[in-house]
Amino acid sequence: MQPLHLTTSRRNETLTVSVSGDLDIATTEQLRGYLFGLLREAGGASRRQATLLIEVSGLTFIDAAGLGILVSVRNHAARRHTAMRLTGVPPTMRRLLRITGLEGHLT
């Protein structure tokens, strides 16, 4: 198991979170708390619509709990009028998103 690492960069109204390591049942709450905090910050910092990009090329593993948290964050972002999408999706994860019907919702 590889620990989850999160780093954030900001450019204008876009927040980019780079995620690396394993995203599984043991690390989903860490990611949820981090991203929900960023969404609160983005919503309070500007009247313009923010965008949250989650860069996942560094993920080494993702399970159903990890997919679930990404859907939860996307739904939370939509309620806050913040666009969210995944970038840098590796082929194995893209296949998983396609199989589960989430590809069009998260990428």
PDB file of N, CA and C in Angstrom:
ATOM      1  N   MET A   1       0.843  -1.191   0.000  1.00  0.00           N
ATOM      2  CA  MET A   1       0.000   0.000   0.000  1.00  0.00           C
ATOM      3  C   MET A   1       0.878   1.240   0.000  1.00  0.00           C
ATOM      4  N   GLN A   2       0.566   2.147  -0.918  1.00  0.00           N
ATOM      5  CA  GLN A   2       1.305   3.400  -0.983  1.00  0.00           C
ATOM      6  C   GLN A   2       0.457   4.509  -0.367  1.00  0.00           C
ATOM      7  N   PRO A   3       1.050   5.354   0.471  1.00  0.00           N
ATOM      8  CA  PRO A   3       0.270   6.438   1.075  1.00  0.00           C
ATOM      9  C   PRO A   3      -0.226   7.407   0.019  1.00  0.00           C
ATOM     10  N   LEU A   4      -1.324   8.069   0.345  1.00  0.00           N
ATOM     11  CA  LEU A   4      -1.917   9.061  -0.550  1.00  0.00           C
ATOM     12  C   LEU A   4      -1.197  10.388  -0.352  1.00  0.00           C
ATOM     13  N   HIS A   5      -0.770  10.989  -1.462  1.00  0.00           N
ATOM     14  CA  HIS A   5      -0.121  12.302  -1.431  1.00  0.00           C
ATOM     15  C   HIS A   5      -0.957  13.268  -2.251  1.00  0.00           C
ATOM     16  N   LEU A   6      -1.165  14.465  -1.699  1.00  0.00           N
ATOM     17  CA  LEU A   6      -1.983  15.488  -2.349  1.00  0.00           C
ATOM     18  C   LEU A   6      -1.208  16.792  -2.392  1.00  0.00           C
ATOM     19  N   THR A   7      -1.142  17.399  -3.566  1.00  0.00           N
ATOM     20  CA  THR A   7      -0.541  18.723  -3.699  1.00  0.00           C
ATOM     21  C   THR A   7      -1.479  19.582  -4.535  1.00  0.00           C
ATOM     22  N   THR A   8      -1.484  20.861  -4.244  1.00  0.00           N
ATOM     23  CA  THR A   8      -2.407  21.779  -4.907  1.00  0.00           C
ATOM     24  C   THR A   8      -1.652  22.933  -5.536  1.00  0.00           C
ATOM     25  N   SER A   9      -2.079  23.299  -6.727  1.00  0.00           N
ATOM     26  CA  SER A   9      -1.584  24.522  -7.352  1.00  0.00           C
ATOM     27  C   SER A   9      -2.799  25.339  -7.770  1.00  0.00           C
ATOM     28  N   ARG A  10      -2.610  26.653  -7.806  1.00  0.00           N
ATOM     29  CA  ARG A  10      -3.693  27.561  -8.171  1.00  0.00           C
ATOM     30  C   ARG A  10      -3.245  28.422  -9.340  1.00  0.00           C
ATOM     31  N   ARG A  11      -4.158  28.580 -10.274  1.00  0.00           N
ATOM     32  CA  ARG A  11      -3.905  29.481 -11.398  1.00  0.00           C
ATOM     33  C   ARG A  11      -5.238  30.131 -11.743  1.00  0.00           C
ATOM     34  N   ASN A  12      -5.330  31.419 -11.486  1.00  0.00           N
ATOM     35  CA  ASN A  12      -6.572  32.164 -11.677  1.00  0.00           C
ATOM     36  C   ASN A  12      -7.693  31.471 -10.907  1.00  0.00           C
ATOM     37  N   GLU A  13      -8.731  31.053 -11.589  1.00  0.00           N
ATOM     38  CA  GLU A  13      -9.869  30.421 -10.911  1.00  0.00           C
ATOM     39  C   GLU A  13      -9.797  28.890 -10.930  1.00  0.00           C
ATOM     40  N   THR A  14      -8.632  28.345 -11.284  1.00  0.00           N
ATOM     41  CA  THR A  14      -8.491  26.893 -11.377  1.00  0.00           C
ATOM     42  C   THR A  14      -7.605  26.366 -10.264  1.00  0.00           C
ATOM     43  N   LEU A  15      -8.142  25.411  -9.532  1.00  0.00           N
ATOM     44  CA  LEU A  15      -7.377  24.684  -8.520  1.00  0.00           C
ATOM     45  C   LEU A  15      -7.058  23.316  -9.106  1.00  0.00           C
ATOM     46  N   THR A  16      -5.784  22.947  -9.096  1.00  0.00           N
ATOM     47  CA  THR A  16      -5.376  21.633  -9.583  1.00  0.00           C
ATOM     48  C   THR A  16      -4.811  20.850  -8.413  1.00  0.00           C
ATOM     49  N   VAL A  17      -5.403  19.695  -8.160  1.00  0.00           N
ATOM     50  CA  VAL A  17      -4.943  18.820  -7.087  1.00  0.00           C
ATOM     51  C   VAL A  17      -4.315  17.594  -7.735  1.00  0.00           C
ATOM     52  N   SER A  18      -3.047  17.390  -7.457  1.00  0.00           N
ATOM     53  CA  SER A  18      -2.355  16.192  -7.935  1.00  0.00           C
ATOM     54  C   SER A  18      -2.464  15.122  -6.858  1.00  0.00           C
ATOM     55  N   VAL A  19      -2.954  13.965  -7.273  1.00  0.00           N
ATOM     56  CA  VAL A  19      -3.187  12.850  -6.355  1.00  0.00           C
ATOM     57  C   VAL A  19      -2.257  11.718  -6.752  1.00  0.00           C
ATOM     58  N   SER A  20      -1.493  11.194  -5.785  1.00  0.00           N
ATOM     59  CA  SER A  20      -0.636  10.048  -6.070  1.00  0.00           C
ATOM     60  C   SER A  20      -0.735   9.056  -4.919  1.00  0.00           C
ATOM     61  N   GLY A  21      -0.390   7.821  -5.214  1.00  0.00           N
ATOM     62  CA  GLY A  21      -0.486   6.752  -4.225  1.00  0.00           C
ATOM     63  C   GLY A  21      -1.752   5.950  -4.428  1.00  0.00           C
ATOM     64  N   ASP A  22      -2.217   5.311  -3.361  1.00  0.00           N
ATOM     65  CA  ASP A  22      -3.406   4.463  -3.415  1.00  0.00           C
ATOM     66  C   ASP A  22      -4.641   5.219  -2.940  1.00  0.00           C
ATOM     67  N   LEU A  23      -5.698   5.168  -3.731  1.00  0.00           N
ATOM     68  CA  LEU A  23      -6.987   5.745  -3.348  1.00  0.00           C
ATOM     69  C   LEU A  23      -7.934   4.578  -3.115  1.00  0.00           C
ATOM     70  N   ASP A  24      -8.101   4.254  -1.844  1.00  0.00           N
ATOM     71  CA  ASP A  24      -8.922   3.104  -1.473  1.00  0.00           C
ATOM     72  C   ASP A  24      -9.692   3.422  -0.197  1.00  0.00           C
ATOM     73  N   ILE A  25     -10.332   2.425   0.351  1.00  0.00           N
ATOM     74  CA  ILE A  25     -11.177   2.635   1.520  1.00  0.00           C
ATOM     75  C   ILE A  25     -10.407   3.252   2.695  1.00  0.00           C
ATOM     76  N   ALA A  26      -9.113   3.031   2.754  1.00  0.00           N
ATOM     77  CA  ALA A  26      -8.304   3.576   3.850  1.00  0.00           C
ATOM     78  C   ALA A  26      -7.948   5.047   3.652  1.00  0.00           C
ATOM     79  N   THR A  27      -8.056   5.563   2.429  1.00  0.00           N
ATOM     80  CA  THR A  27      -7.614   6.935   2.172  1.00  0.00           C
ATOM     81  C   THR A  27      -8.709   7.855   1.640  1.00  0.00           C
ATOM     82  N   THR A  28      -9.920   7.335   1.450  1.00  0.00           N
ATOM     83  CA  THR A  28     -10.972   8.163   0.856  1.00  0.00           C
ATOM     84  C   THR A  28     -11.336   9.357   1.728  1.00  0.00           C
ATOM     85  N   GLU A  29     -11.391   9.172   3.027  1.00  0.00           N
ATOM     86  CA  GLU A  29     -11.773  10.297   3.897  1.00  0.00           C
ATOM     87  C   GLU A  29     -10.716  11.394   3.881  1.00  0.00           C
ATOM     88  N   GLN A  30      -9.459  11.015   3.738  1.00  0.00           N
ATOM     89  CA  GLN A  30      -8.395  12.012   3.610  1.00  0.00           C
ATOM     90  C   GLN A  30      -8.640  12.868   2.368  1.00  0.00           C
ATOM     91  N   LEU A  31      -8.948  12.217   1.248  1.00  0.00           N
ATOM     92  CA  LEU A  31      -9.193  12.953   0.010  1.00  0.00           C
ATOM     93  C   LEU A  31     -10.467  13.788   0.115  1.00  0.00           C
ATOM     94  N   ARG A  32     -11.529  13.209   0.660  1.00  0.00           N
ATOM     95  CA  ARG A  32     -12.788  13.946   0.795  1.00  0.00           C
ATOM     96  C   ARG A  32     -12.589  15.224   1.614  1.00  0.00           C
ATOM     97  N   GLY A  33     -11.973  15.111   2.762  1.00  0.00           N
ATOM     98  CA  GLY A  33     -11.756  16.278   3.609  1.00  0.00           C
ATOM     99  C   GLY A  33     -10.932  17.354   2.917  1.00  0.00           C
ATOM    100  N   TYR A  34      -9.902  16.926   2.235  1.00  0.00           N
ATOM    101  CA  TYR A  34      -9.020  17.855   1.534  1.00  0.00           C
ATOM    102  C   TYR A  34      -9.775  18.594   0.429  1.00  0.00           C
ATOM    103  N   LEU A  35     -10.485  17.828  -0.413  1.00  0.00           N
ATOM    104  CA  LEU A  35     -11.191  18.445  -1.547  1.00  0.00           C
ATOM    105  C   LEU A  35     -12.378  19.282  -1.098  1.00  0.00           C
ATOM    106  N   PHE A  36     -13.122  18.837  -0.085  1.00  0.00           N
ATOM    107  CA  PHE A  36     -14.234  19.644   0.415  1.00  0.00           C
ATOM    108  C   PHE A  36     -13.715  20.964   0.984  1.00  0.00           C
ATOM    109  N   GLY A  37     -12.561  20.931   1.645  1.00  0.00           N
ATOM    110  CA  GLY A  37     -11.954  22.161   2.144  1.00  0.00           C
ATOM    111  C   GLY A  37     -11.601  23.114   1.016  1.00  0.00           C
ATOM    112  N   LEU A  38     -11.037  22.585  -0.061  1.00  0.00           N
ATOM    113  CA  LEU A  38     -10.722  23.418  -1.226  1.00  0.00           C
ATOM    114  C   LEU A  38     -11.972  23.998  -1.860  1.00  0.00           C
ATOM    115  N   LEU A  39     -13.037  23.205  -1.920  1.00  0.00           N
ATOM    116  CA  LEU A  39     -14.295  23.700  -2.494  1.00  0.00           C
ATOM    117  C   LEU A  39     -14.885  24.820  -1.644  1.00  0.00           C
ATOM    118  N   ARG A  40     -14.791  24.702  -0.330  1.00  0.00           N
ATOM    119  CA  ARG A  40     -15.257  25.791   0.548  1.00  0.00           C
ATOM    120  C   ARG A  40     -14.444  27.051   0.284  1.00  0.00           C
ATOM    121  N   GLU A  41     -13.137  26.884   0.197  1.00  0.00           N
ATOM    122  CA  GLU A  41     -12.242  28.013  -0.065  1.00  0.00           C
ATOM    123  C   GLU A  41     -12.534  28.649  -1.421  1.00  0.00           C
ATOM    124  N   ALA A  42     -12.715  27.836  -2.442  1.00  0.00           N
ATOM    125  CA  ALA A  42     -12.976  28.348  -3.790  1.00  0.00           C
ATOM    126  C   ALA A  42     -14.296  29.093  -3.840  1.00  0.00           C
ATOM    127  N   GLY A  43     -15.297  28.585  -3.147  1.00  0.00           N
ATOM    128  CA  GLY A  43     -16.604  29.228  -3.144  1.00  0.00           C
ATOM    129  C   GLY A  43     -16.609  30.547  -2.406  1.00  0.00           C
ATOM    130  N   GLY A  44     -15.773  30.667  -1.385  1.00  0.00           N
ATOM    131  CA  GLY A  44     -15.746  31.892  -0.597  1.00  0.00           C
ATOM    132  C   GLY A  44     -14.786  32.929  -1.121  1.00  0.00           C
ATOM    133  N   ALA A  45     -13.853  32.521  -1.979  1.00  0.00           N
ATOM    134  CA  ALA A  45     -12.799  33.424  -2.406  1.00  0.00           C
ATOM    135  C   ALA A  45     -13.171  34.291  -3.600  1.00  0.00           C
ATOM    136  N   SER A  46     -14.140  33.875  -4.378  1.00  0.00           N
ATOM    137  CA  SER A  46     -14.404  34.592  -5.617  1.00  0.00           C
ATOM    138  C   SER A  46     -15.866  34.452  -6.018  1.00  0.00           C
ATOM    139  N   ARG A  47     -16.343  35.423  -6.735  1.00  0.00           N
ATOM    140  CA  ARG A  47     -17.704  35.340  -7.267  1.00  0.00           C
ATOM    141  C   ARG A  47     -17.712  34.657  -8.634  1.00  0.00           C
ATOM    142  N   ARG A  48     -16.546  34.534  -9.263  1.00  0.00           N
ATOM    143  CA  ARG A  48     -16.461  33.843 -10.543  1.00  0.00           C
ATOM    144  C   ARG A  48     -16.454  32.332 -10.311  1.00  0.00           C
ATOM    145  N   GLN A  49     -16.900  31.599 -11.315  1.00  0.00           N
ATOM    146  CA  GLN A  49     -16.948  30.150 -11.193  1.00  0.00           C
ATOM    147  C   GLN A  49     -15.534  29.583 -11.170  1.00  0.00           C
ATOM    148  N   ALA A  50     -15.276  28.764 -10.177  1.00  0.00           N
ATOM    149  CA  ALA A  50     -13.984  28.105 -10.056  1.00  0.00           C
ATOM    150  C   ALA A  50     -14.035  26.753 -10.756  1.00  0.00           C
ATOM    151  N   THR A  51     -12.862  26.228 -11.060  1.00  0.00           N
ATOM    152  CA  THR A  51     -12.738  24.900 -11.632  1.00  0.00           C
ATOM    153  C   THR A  51     -11.787  24.096 -10.757  1.00  0.00           C
ATOM    154  N   LEU A  52     -12.171  22.862 -10.466  1.00  0.00           N
ATOM    155  CA  LEU A  52     -11.332  21.950  -9.703  1.00  0.00           C
ATOM    156  C   LEU A  52     -10.880  20.836 -10.638  1.00  0.00           C
ATOM    157  N   LEU A  53      -9.582  20.766 -10.885  1.00  0.00           N
ATOM    158  CA  LEU A  53      -9.006  19.697 -11.693  1.00  0.00           C
ATOM    159  C   LEU A  53      -8.320  18.723 -10.744  1.00  0.00           C
ATOM    160  N   ILE A  54      -8.605  17.455 -10.905  1.00  0.00           N
ATOM    161  CA  ILE A  54      -7.948  16.436 -10.090  1.00  0.00           C
ATOM    162  C   ILE A  54      -7.067  15.627 -11.029  1.00  0.00           C
ATOM    163  N   GLU A  55      -5.771  15.803 -10.880  1.00  0.00           N
ATOM    164  CA  GLU A  55      -4.776  15.170 -11.741  1.00  0.00           C
ATOM    165  C   GLU A  55      -4.410  13.824 -11.104  1.00  0.00           C
ATOM    166  N   VAL A  56      -4.722  12.726 -11.797  1.00  0.00           N
ATOM    167  CA  VAL A  56      -4.622  11.392 -11.202  1.00  0.00           C
ATOM    168  C   VAL A  56      -3.565  10.498 -11.851  1.00  0.00           C
ATOM    169  N   SER A  57      -2.652  11.064 -12.635  1.00  0.00           N
ATOM    170  CA  SER A  57      -1.659  10.217 -13.305  1.00  0.00           C
ATOM    171  C   SER A  57      -0.752   9.496 -12.312  1.00  0.00           C
ATOM    172  N   GLY A  58      -0.652  10.007 -11.090  1.00  0.00           N
ATOM    173  CA  GLY A  58       0.196   9.387 -10.074  1.00  0.00           C
ATOM    174  C   GLY A  58      -0.500   8.339  -9.219  1.00  0.00           C
ATOM    175  N   LEU A  59      -1.782   8.081  -9.487  1.00  0.00           N
ATOM    176  CA  LEU A  59      -2.472   7.038  -8.715  1.00  0.00           C
ATOM    177  C   LEU A  59      -1.897   5.674  -9.060  1.00  0.00           C
ATOM    178  N   THR A  60      -1.611   4.894  -8.040  1.00  0.00           N
ATOM    179  CA  THR A  60      -1.108   3.546  -8.253  1.00  0.00           C
ATOM    180  C   THR A  60      -2.207   2.500  -8.084  1.00  0.00           C
ATOM    181  N   PHE A  61      -3.319   2.900  -7.453  1.00  0.00           N
ATOM    182  CA  PHE A  61      -4.428   1.975  -7.220  1.00  0.00           C
ATOM    183  C   PHE A  61      -5.674   2.786  -6.907  1.00  0.00           C
ATOM    184  N   ILE A  62      -6.824   2.302  -7.375  1.00  0.00           N
ATOM    185  CA  ILE A  62      -8.113   2.885  -7.000  1.00  0.00           C
ATOM    186  C   ILE A  62      -9.117   1.751  -6.909  1.00  0.00           C
ATOM    187  N   ASP A  63      -9.932   1.767  -5.858  1.00  0.00           N
ATOM    188  CA  ASP A  63     -10.975   0.749  -5.701  1.00  0.00           C
ATOM    189  C   ASP A  63     -12.351   1.419  -5.768  1.00  0.00           C
ATOM    190  N   ALA A  64     -13.392   0.641  -5.491  1.00  0.00           N
ATOM    191  CA  ALA A  64     -14.762   1.164  -5.569  1.00  0.00           C
ATOM    192  C   ALA A  64     -14.979   2.330  -4.604  1.00  0.00           C
ATOM    193  N   ALA A  65     -14.374   2.275  -3.441  1.00  0.00           N
ATOM    194  CA  ALA A  65     -14.501   3.386  -2.487  1.00  0.00           C
ATOM    195  C   ALA A  65     -13.861   4.651  -3.059  1.00  0.00           C
ATOM    196  N   GLY A  66     -12.748   4.492  -3.759  1.00  0.00           N
ATOM    197  CA  GLY A  66     -12.089   5.633  -4.390  1.00  0.00           C
ATOM    198  C   GLY A  66     -12.943   6.247  -5.482  1.00  0.00           C
ATOM    199  N   LEU A  67     -13.555   5.401  -6.302  1.00  0.00           N
ATOM    200  CA  LEU A  67     -14.476   5.908  -7.330  1.00  0.00           C
ATOM    201  C   LEU A  67     -15.656   6.616  -6.682  1.00  0.00           C
ATOM    202  N   GLY A  68     -16.164   6.021  -5.625  1.00  0.00           N
ATOM    203  CA  GLY A  68     -17.312   6.614  -4.930  1.00  0.00           C
ATOM    204  C   GLY A  68     -17.004   8.000  -4.394  1.00  0.00           C
ATOM    205  N   ILE A  69     -15.822   8.188  -3.859  1.00  0.00           N
ATOM    206  CA  ILE A  69     -15.471   9.498  -3.307  1.00  0.00           C
ATOM    207  C   ILE A  69     -15.335  10.527  -4.421  1.00  0.00           C
ATOM    208  N   LEU A  70     -14.839  10.122  -5.576  1.00  0.00           N
ATOM    209  CA  LEU A  70     -14.743  11.056  -6.697  1.00  0.00           C
ATOM    210  C   LEU A  70     -16.127  11.497  -7.158  1.00  0.00           C
ATOM    211  N   VAL A  71     -17.081  10.578  -7.179  1.00  0.00           N
ATOM    212  CA  VAL A  71     -18.461  10.932  -7.532  1.00  0.00           C
ATOM    213  C   VAL A  71     -19.045  11.864  -6.479  1.00  0.00           C
ATOM    214  N   SER A  72     -18.804  11.565  -5.211  1.00  0.00           N
ATOM    215  CA  SER A  72     -19.302  12.407  -4.121  1.00  0.00           C
ATOM    216  C   SER A  72     -18.748  13.831  -4.225  1.00  0.00           C
ATOM    217  N   VAL A  73     -17.462  13.948  -4.489  1.00  0.00           N
ATOM    218  CA  VAL A  73     -16.835  15.272  -4.613  1.00  0.00           C
ATOM    219  C   VAL A  73     -17.389  15.998  -5.836  1.00  0.00           C
ATOM    220  N   ARG A  74     -17.578  15.280  -6.932  1.00  0.00           N
ATOM    221  CA  ARG A  74     -18.144  15.907  -8.136  1.00  0.00           C
ATOM    222  C   ARG A  74     -19.535  16.461  -7.854  1.00  0.00           C
ATOM    223  N   ASN A  75     -20.357  15.681  -7.161  1.00  0.00           N
ATOM    224  CA  ASN A  75     -21.712  16.133  -6.833  1.00  0.00           C
ATOM    225  C   ASN A  75     -21.679  17.342  -5.898  1.00  0.00           C
ATOM    226  N   HIS A  76     -20.790  17.311  -4.925  1.00  0.00           N
ATOM    227  CA  HIS A  76     -20.645  18.434  -3.992  1.00  0.00           C
ATOM    228  C   HIS A  76     -20.180  19.687  -4.751  1.00  0.00           C
ATOM    229  N   ALA A  77     -19.237  19.511  -5.670  1.00  0.00           N
ATOM    230  CA  ALA A  77     -18.743  20.636  -6.458  1.00  0.00           C
ATOM    231  C   ALA A  77     -19.861  21.233  -7.312  1.00  0.00           C
ATOM    232  N   ALA A  78     -20.676  20.373  -7.917  1.00  0.00           N
ATOM    233  CA  ALA A  78     -21.781  20.858  -8.759  1.00  0.00           C
ATOM    234  C   ALA A  78     -22.765  21.684  -7.932  1.00  0.00           C
ATOM    235  N   ARG A  79     -23.050  21.247  -6.719  1.00  0.00           N
ATOM    236  CA  ARG A  79     -23.958  22.021  -5.845  1.00  0.00           C
ATOM    237  C   ARG A  79     -23.366  23.386  -5.498  1.00  0.00           C
ATOM    238  N   ARG A  80     -22.046  23.481  -5.520  1.00  0.00           N
ATOM    239  CA  ARG A  80     -21.368  24.744  -5.212  1.00  0.00           C
ATOM    240  C   ARG A  80     -21.039  25.525  -6.502  1.00  0.00           C
ATOM    241  N   HIS A  81     -21.592  25.089  -7.628  1.00  0.00           N
ATOM    242  CA  HIS A  81     -21.380  25.741  -8.924  1.00  0.00           C
ATOM    243  C   HIS A  81     -19.895  25.795  -9.297  1.00  0.00           C
ATOM    244  N   THR A  82     -19.198  24.700  -8.989  1.00  0.00           N
ATOM    245  CA  THR A  82     -17.786  24.562  -9.316  1.00  0.00           C
ATOM    246  C   THR A  82     -17.630  23.378 -10.259  1.00  0.00           C
ATOM    247  N   ALA A  83     -17.003  23.602 -11.394  1.00  0.00           N
ATOM    248  CA  ALA A  83     -16.747  22.513 -12.326  1.00  0.00           C
ATOM    249  C   ALA A  83     -15.638  21.628 -11.769  1.00  0.00           C
ATOM    250  N   MET A  84     -15.772  20.323 -11.940  1.00  0.00           N
ATOM    251  CA  MET A  84     -14.744  19.390 -11.512  1.00  0.00           C
ATOM    252  C   MET A  84     -14.539  18.341 -12.583  1.00  0.00           C
ATOM    253  N   ARG A  85     -13.272  18.024 -12.846  1.00  0.00           N
ATOM    254  CA  ARG A  85     -12.995  16.934 -13.768  1.00  0.00           C
ATOM    255  C   ARG A  85     -11.634  16.330 -13.457  1.00  0.00           C
ATOM    256  N   LEU A  86     -11.477  15.098 -13.898  1.00  0.00           N
ATOM    257  CA  LEU A  86     -10.215  14.390 -13.743  1.00  0.00           C
ATOM    258  C   LEU A  86      -9.334  14.650 -14.954  1.00  0.00           C
ATOM    259  N   THR A  87      -8.033  14.747 -14.726  1.00  0.00           N
ATOM    260  CA  THR A  87      -7.071  14.863 -15.814  1.00  0.00           C
ATOM    261  C   THR A  87      -5.964  13.844 -15.583  1.00  0.00           C
ATOM    262  N   GLY A  88      -5.234  13.547 -16.646  1.00  0.00           N
ATOM    263  CA  GLY A  88      -4.118  12.613 -16.540  1.00  0.00           C
ATOM    264  C   GLY A  88      -4.546  11.200 -16.189  1.00  0.00           C
ATOM    265  N   VAL A  89      -5.734  10.822 -16.624  1.00  0.00           N
ATOM    266  CA  VAL A  89      -6.293   9.516 -16.263  1.00  0.00           C
ATOM    267  C   VAL A  89      -5.511   8.405 -16.972  1.00  0.00           C
ATOM    268  N   PRO A  90      -4.884   7.489 -16.199  1.00  0.00           N
ATOM    269  CA  PRO A  90      -4.152   6.391 -16.831  1.00  0.00           C
ATOM    270  C   PRO A  90      -5.106   5.420 -17.531  1.00  0.00           C
ATOM    271  N   PRO A  91      -4.611   4.683 -18.515  1.00  0.00           N
ATOM    272  CA  PRO A  91      -5.478   3.780 -19.292  1.00  0.00           C
ATOM    273  C   PRO A  91      -6.282   2.793 -18.441  1.00  0.00           C
ATOM    274  N   THR A  92      -5.687   2.230 -17.406  1.00  0.00           N
ATOM    275  CA  THR A  92      -6.433   1.257 -16.593  1.00  0.00           C
ATOM    276  C   THR A  92      -7.583   1.928 -15.849  1.00  0.00           C
ATOM    277  N   MET A  93      -7.365   3.146 -15.386  1.00  0.00           N
ATOM    278  CA  MET A  93      -8.437   3.861 -14.695  1.00  0.00           C
ATOM    279  C   MET A  93      -9.496   4.322 -15.692  1.00  0.00           C
ATOM    280  N   ARG A  94      -9.073   4.741 -16.883  1.00  0.00           N
ATOM    281  CA  ARG A  94     -10.028   5.150 -17.915  1.00  0.00           C
ATOM    282  C   ARG A  94     -10.953   3.979 -18.253  1.00  0.00           C
ATOM    283  N   ARG A  95     -10.385   2.782 -18.349  1.00  0.00           N
ATOM    284  CA  ARG A  95     -11.191   1.590 -18.626  1.00  0.00           C
ATOM    285  C   ARG A  95     -12.205   1.367 -17.504  1.00  0.00           C
ATOM    286  N   LEU A  96     -11.761   1.521 -16.262  1.00  0.00           N
ATOM    287  CA  LEU A  96     -12.658   1.366 -15.109  1.00  0.00           C
ATOM    288  C   LEU A  96     -13.786   2.399 -15.162  1.00  0.00           C
ATOM    289  N   LEU A  97     -13.464   3.627 -15.500  1.00  0.00           N
ATOM    290  CA  LEU A  97     -14.482   4.678 -15.612  1.00  0.00           C
ATOM    291  C   LEU A  97     -15.471   4.354 -16.731  1.00  0.00           C
ATOM    292  N   ARG A  98     -14.960   3.830 -17.835  1.00  0.00           N
ATOM    293  CA  ARG A  98     -15.832   3.472 -18.956  1.00  0.00           C
ATOM    294  C   ARG A  98     -16.766   2.324 -18.567  1.00  0.00           C
ATOM    295  N   ILE A  99     -16.229   1.291 -17.933  1.00  0.00           N
ATOM    296  CA  ILE A  99     -17.023   0.126 -17.533  1.00  0.00           C
ATOM    297  C   ILE A  99     -18.126   0.521 -16.557  1.00  0.00           C
ATOM    298  N   THR A 100     -17.830   1.432 -15.642  1.00  0.00           N
ATOM    299  CA  THR A 100     -18.801   1.831 -14.623  1.00  0.00           C
ATOM    300  C   THR A 100     -19.742   2.935 -15.095  1.00  0.00           C
ATOM    301  N   GLY A 101     -19.523   3.456 -16.305  1.00  0.00           N
ATOM    302  CA  GLY A 101     -20.374   4.519 -16.826  1.00  0.00           C
ATOM    303  C   GLY A 101     -20.041   5.887 -16.278  1.00  0.00           C
ATOM    304  N   LEU A 102     -18.884   6.038 -15.653  1.00  0.00           N
ATOM    305  CA  LEU A 102     -18.505   7.309 -15.043  1.00  0.00           C
ATOM    306  C   LEU A 102     -17.597   8.178 -15.909  1.00  0.00           C
ATOM    307  N   GLU A 103     -17.142   7.640 -17.029  1.00  0.00           N
ATOM    308  CA  GLU A 103     -16.166   8.367 -17.841  1.00  0.00           C
ATOM    309  C   GLU A 103     -16.682   9.748 -18.243  1.00  0.00           C
ATOM    310  N   GLY A 104     -17.872   9.845 -18.737  1.00  0.00           N
ATOM    311  CA  GLY A 104     -18.419  11.128 -19.165  1.00  0.00           C
ATOM    312  C   GLY A 104     -18.740  12.076 -18.023  1.00  0.00           C
ATOM    313  N   HIS A 105     -18.881  11.551 -16.827  1.00  0.00           N
ATOM    314  CA  HIS A 105     -19.227  12.374 -15.668  1.00  0.00           C
ATOM    315  C   HIS A 105     -17.994  12.947 -14.967  1.00  0.00           C
ATOM    316  N   LEU A 106     -16.866  12.264 -15.075  1.00  0.00           N
ATOM    317  CA  LEU A 106     -15.683  12.680 -14.325  1.00  0.00           C
ATOM    318  C   LEU A 106     -14.532  13.193 -15.178  1.00  0.00           C
ATOM    319  N   THR A 107     -14.585  12.947 -16.494  1.00  0.00           N
ATOM    320  CA  THR A 107     -13.455  13.390 -17.332  1.00  0.00           C
ATOM    321  C   THR A 107     -13.913  14.424 -18.347  1.00  0.00           C
TER     322      THR A 107
END
